[in-house]
Amino acid sequence: MREALKQAKKAYALGEVPIGCVIVHEGRIIGRGYNRRNTDKSTLAHAEITAIRKASRVIGDWRLEECTLYVTLEPCQMCAGAIIQARIPEVVMGCMNSKAGCGGSILNILEMPQFNHQAVVERGILEEECSQMLKEFFKELRERNRLEKMWKREQMVENREEQTIDKTE
């Protein structure tokens, strides 16, 4: 999970929601990924999708049947579906995602017996570190948004003042 946290820090440095993922096969990391949705302007640029794509290249198969996926935040529906499609047998999660999680929070796609494959899921690994990074990111984002809103208001006031001066001249 520490390696997944390193990936999350890369996303954080880009101003992306800090989510990181690694895939391990026979004790070796074969896929890494971090959130890049805004950077890549792609809905598909989630940490898990990137890591699955890279791991599949290394293995030479779309089936990742002997791998373990570590992710800092509970996967969304797309990523949980991709994990099941890739036949990943084990998923280790940092913190849960009450707003979009599909590994036990909102849905549990990873362990649904209706699918032809299920994953064994372990939750809460380095939970506090994973959660704290997300909290810090969103706190900073709210502050940035507040400052940007203030700046825009100031610009509007200045523009109005300039327009008023132009009209009186």
Protein backbone atom coordinates (compact mmCIF):
# COMPACT_ATOMS: atom_id res chain seq x y z
CA MET A 1 0.00 0.00 0.00
CA ARG A 2 2.93 2.33 0.56
CA GLU A 3 3.74 2.05 -3.15
CA ALA A 4 0.14 2.93 -4.01
CA LEU A 5 0.45 5.97 -1.73
CA LYS A 6 3.54 7.04 -3.69
CA GLN A 7 1.43 6.93 -6.85
CA ALA A 8 -1.30 8.98 -5.13
CA LYS A 9 1.30 11.64 -4.31
CA LYS A 10 2.08 11.93 -8.03
CA ALA A 11 -1.59 12.69 -8.69
CA TYR A 12 -1.57 15.23 -5.84
CA ALA A 13 1.44 16.99 -7.38
CA LEU A 14 -0.55 17.39 -10.62
CA GLY A 15 -3.54 18.84 -8.76
CA GLU A 16 -5.48 15.63 -9.33
CA VAL A 17 -7.51 13.80 -6.68
CA PRO A 18 -4.75 11.76 -5.00
CA ILE A 19 -5.58 8.15 -5.78
CA GLY A 20 -2.86 5.60 -6.45
CA CYS A 21 -2.77 1.95 -7.42
CA VAL A 22 -0.23 -0.82 -7.88
CA ILE A 23 -0.63 -4.39 -9.09
CA VAL A 24 1.66 -7.08 -7.71
CA HIS A 25 2.48 -10.42 -9.33
CA GLU A 26 4.79 -12.93 -7.62
CA GLY A 27 6.04 -10.28 -5.19
CA ARG A 28 6.88 -7.76 -7.93
CA ILE A 29 5.01 -4.61 -8.96
CA ILE A 30 3.97 -5.02 -12.59
CA GLY A 31 1.53 -2.13 -12.92
CA ARG A 32 1.33 1.35 -11.44
CA GLY A 33 -1.20 4.09 -11.90
CA TYR A 34 -2.48 7.32 -10.44
CA ASN A 35 -5.46 9.52 -11.14
CA ARG A 36 -4.98 11.72 -14.25
CA ARG A 37 -8.55 12.52 -15.33
CA ASN A 38 -8.08 16.29 -15.55
CA THR A 39 -4.54 16.09 -16.88
CA ASP A 40 -5.46 13.65 -19.66
CA LYS A 41 -8.99 15.07 -20.12
CA SER A 42 -10.26 11.48 -19.93
CA THR A 43 -12.95 9.82 -17.86
CA LEU A 44 -10.94 6.62 -18.15
CA ALA A 45 -7.72 7.96 -16.60
CA HIS A 46 -8.30 6.37 -13.18
CA ALA A 47 -5.43 4.86 -11.21
CA GLU A 48 -6.80 1.31 -11.41
CA ILE A 49 -7.44 1.41 -15.17
CA THR A 50 -3.90 2.65 -15.84
CA ALA A 51 -2.37 0.01 -13.54
CA ILE A 52 -4.46 -2.78 -15.13
CA ARG A 53 -3.43 -1.67 -18.63
CA LYS A 54 0.27 -1.67 -17.66
CA ALA A 55 0.07 -5.00 -15.80
CA SER A 56 -1.66 -6.64 -18.75
CA ARG A 57 1.18 -5.50 -21.02
CA VAL A 58 3.77 -7.00 -18.66
CA ILE A 59 1.91 -10.32 -18.28
CA GLY A 60 0.97 -10.43 -21.96
CA ASP A 61 -2.66 -11.23 -21.17
CA TRP A 62 -5.82 -9.42 -20.14
CA ARG A 63 -6.33 -11.96 -17.35
CA LEU A 64 -4.48 -10.96 -14.20
CA GLU A 65 -5.45 -14.12 -12.32
CA GLU A 66 -2.43 -14.34 -10.04
CA CYS A 67 -2.20 -10.67 -9.06
CA THR A 68 -3.10 -8.47 -6.12
CA LEU A 69 -4.32 -4.92 -6.69
CA TYR A 70 -3.59 -2.28 -4.02
CA VAL A 71 -5.53 0.98 -4.22
CA THR A 72 -5.65 3.94 -1.84
CA LEU A 73 -9.39 4.60 -2.31
CA GLU A 74 -12.26 2.17 -2.81
CA PRO A 75 -12.83 1.71 -6.56
CA CYS A 76 -15.72 3.32 -8.46
CA GLN A 77 -18.13 1.24 -10.54
CA MET A 78 -15.95 1.46 -13.66
CA CYS A 79 -12.79 0.38 -11.88
CA ALA A 80 -14.51 -2.34 -9.84
CA GLY A 81 -15.93 -3.69 -13.10
CA ALA A 82 -12.50 -3.60 -14.75
CA ILE A 83 -10.99 -5.45 -11.77
CA ILE A 84 -13.60 -8.20 -12.13
CA GLN A 85 -13.17 -8.31 -15.92
CA ALA A 86 -9.38 -8.64 -15.47
CA ARG A 87 -9.99 -11.57 -13.10
CA ILE A 88 -7.88 -10.01 -10.34
CA PRO A 89 -8.40 -12.33 -7.37
CA GLU A 90 -7.38 -10.03 -4.53
CA VAL A 91 -8.00 -6.33 -3.87
CA VAL A 92 -6.49 -4.38 -0.98
CA MET A 93 -8.04 -0.97 -0.27
CA GLY A 94 -6.88 1.94 1.84
CA CYS A 95 -10.01 3.95 2.63
CA MET A 96 -13.64 3.65 1.68
CA ASN A 97 -15.52 6.03 -0.62
CA SER A 98 -19.03 6.70 0.68
CA LYS A 99 -19.91 8.82 -2.38
CA ALA A 100 -18.84 6.55 -5.23
CA GLY A 101 -17.38 3.33 -3.84
CA CYS A 102 -18.31 0.01 -5.42
CA GLY A 103 -16.17 -2.24 -3.27
CA GLY A 104 -18.54 -2.24 -0.31
CA SER A 105 -19.81 1.31 0.29
CA ILE A 106 -22.58 1.96 -2.25
CA LEU A 107 -22.33 -1.35 -4.10
CA ASN A 108 -20.02 -4.30 -3.81
CA ILE A 109 -19.26 -5.25 -7.40
CA LEU A 110 -16.01 -6.91 -6.31
CA GLU A 111 -17.72 -9.61 -4.25
CA MET A 112 -21.03 -10.08 -6.10
CA PRO A 113 -21.76 -13.81 -6.41
CA GLN A 114 -23.85 -13.13 -9.54
CA PHE A 115 -20.68 -12.51 -11.56
CA ASN A 116 -18.50 -15.35 -12.81
CA HIS A 117 -15.54 -13.92 -10.87
CA GLN A 118 -15.23 -12.36 -7.43
CA ALA A 119 -12.27 -10.86 -5.61
CA VAL A 120 -11.21 -11.35 -2.04
CA VAL A 121 -11.23 -7.85 -0.55
CA GLU A 122 -9.21 -6.47 2.33
CA ARG A 123 -10.20 -3.02 3.55
CA GLY A 124 -8.62 -0.40 5.77
CA ILE A 125 -4.92 -0.94 5.03
CA LEU A 126 -3.07 2.29 5.90
CA GLU A 127 -6.56 3.79 6.03
CA GLU A 128 -5.58 6.86 8.04
CA GLU A 129 -2.76 7.83 5.67
CA CYS A 130 -4.91 7.30 2.58
CA SER A 131 -7.82 9.21 4.09
CA GLN A 132 -5.66 12.06 5.39
CA MET A 133 -4.13 12.70 1.97
CA LEU A 134 -7.61 13.00 0.43
CA LYS A 135 -8.85 15.27 3.23
CA GLU A 136 -5.83 17.54 2.85
CA PHE A 137 -6.29 17.68 -0.93
CA PHE A 138 -9.97 18.63 -0.73
CA LYS A 139 -9.31 21.19 2.01
CA GLU A 140 -6.72 22.87 -0.23
CA LEU A 141 -9.06 22.63 -3.23
CA ARG A 142 -11.88 24.35 -1.33
CA GLU A 143 -9.48 27.14 -0.30
CA ARG A 144 -8.22 27.55 -3.88
CA ASN A 145 -11.80 27.69 -5.15
CA ARG A 146 -12.71 30.27 -2.48
CA LEU A 147 -9.75 32.47 -3.42
CA GLU A 148 -10.52 32.14 -7.13
CA LYS A 149 -14.13 33.14 -6.51
CA MET A 150 -12.97 36.20 -4.55
CA TRP A 151 -10.54 37.15 -7.32
CA LYS A 152 -13.29 36.87 -9.95
CA ARG A 153 -15.57 39.10 -7.86
CA GLU A 154 -12.80 41.68 -7.56
CA GLN A 155 -12.27 41.57 -11.33
CA MET A 156 -15.99 42.11 -11.92
CA VAL A 157 -16.00 45.13 -9.57
CA GLU A 158 -12.94 46.59 -11.30
CA ASN A 159 -14.52 46.07 -14.73
CA ARG A 160 -17.72 47.80 -13.61
CA GLU A 161 -15.72 50.72 -12.22
CA GLU A 162 -13.81 51.02 -15.50
CA GLN A 163 -17.07 50.94 -17.48
CA THR A 164 -18.54 53.64 -15.23
CA ILE A 165 -15.46 55.85 -15.72
CA ASP A 166 -15.65 55.34 -19.51
CA LYS A 167 -19.32 56.36 -19.55
CA THR A 168 -18.70 59.55 -17.59
CA GLU A 169 -15.85 60.74 -19.79
